[in-house]
Amino acid sequence: TGKCIPKAWLCDGTNDCSDKSDEEQSVCLANGVSISTNACGNQYSCKGSSGICVVADWMCDDYQDCPQNDDEEQANCDAFEASYVPPETVTLTCGETATGDAYQYNEYPFTFTLPAGYAAVKMSTCLTDNQGPVYLYLRNDDYTVQVNGNYSEQCQCSGRYILSADTTDIVAGEEYTVSLYTEFTGTYAIKVDCDASSLAGITTSNVCTDNYNGSSSGYYGGYDYGSGGYDYGSGYDYSSGSGGYSSGGYDSISNTLPSLDSAISLSCGVAQTGTLAVGEALAFSWIQSGSVDVSLNGCASDFDTVFTVYVLDSVTSEPIYIADNDDDSSGQCSGTQSYLTVPYDPTFSGSTYVLVLTGYDGTSSGSYSVTLEC
């Protein structure tokens, strides 16, 4: 069809190509994607033949992820919780590479201790041709020390990064937790290199095979992973694969993010009200503080609303897609308004979040009400 998609979308149970070729086993195998690794692993498998997997944190969270909404049935949640086996904690060691199976939207825990006599470490995810976009960060138990993957050392092939730390960040001999968030199904790999003097003494290549061939017409036409991109402009719908929550992704009219210069500031418990015109998109913003989930309540709006949430990268200020909601399925709203819970993510603590409000399919309009519930 000429459309390019991320390799992580091959044989994931969702038809992303109009001819459904991305779900053909021969195509997946020819592109190095093992069918067996695309099982749900330690995630919940939605009923039916959808092939959709749901991570533990999304079970019974008042948001529909499965086509039949079975991820919100308490009996299913109880059974899943009883059988859930969390990912095993792996120890990262200088001079070695840790690898394993990864499932989309999972977090994988590791521990790392910088040996005595060493002064610096680099952890690289620029490896293997079946990896996809990841977040990598290091912390101590009370979060007083946090080191994120370095955006200035981005791998050339996709949304992967190199985490760099020295004795100005961490203490040799102390154990730290390293977390890997994966946005793909396949194989992860973390290469660990240490040096006795400084970061300058560690040579780590950022070159790797490009798996993401999506057309990237600017950031908002596609999340630009190196030379390719996830094309959020044409819709990113992991639940139904229908091409996005409306006919064109987060903004079906222009596929662009509204100007943040005029973003309306949200405060906990204070409703922001106004009027949305046909085809208009409005931006709201707030800063994540504390370690609690927040919810965006649009139930008092009088039209069919669509919410899409992004977080701004702390270095580049580019938006990173978080979640979206069309018609609320949690029971908070009585009509077609939106209600969206944004889980706390320590990776983005202190970051600016952006809510984009649009009318469904770009045709709905009216009086809106948006309240940040903390």
Foldseek 3Di string as FASTA:
>chain_A
DPFFAFLLQALQLFQQDPVSPSNDPVVNVVQPHDNVLNQQVLFDAAPDSSSATHHLVPQLPQFQQAPVSPSNDVVSNVVSVVPGDAADEAEDDAQDKDKDWDYAQDKHKYKYAAAPLFWKKKKWFLDDPQAAAKWKWKAAPVRPAIWTFDPVAAQQAFNTGMTMDGCVRDPHPDMIMMMMTGRGGDMTMIHMHTGSPDPVVDDDHSYHDHRAAGDDPDCLCFPDTRNHGHGQQQADRSHHNPRHPARGHPQLQPSDDPDPVPAAEADAPDKDKDKDDQSDKHKHKYWAADQFKKKKDWQPWDAFKKKWKWWQDPPPRRTDTQDIFTARSSPPHPDGYDMDIGHGDVVRHGTMMMIMMAGHSSGMITMTIIHMHD
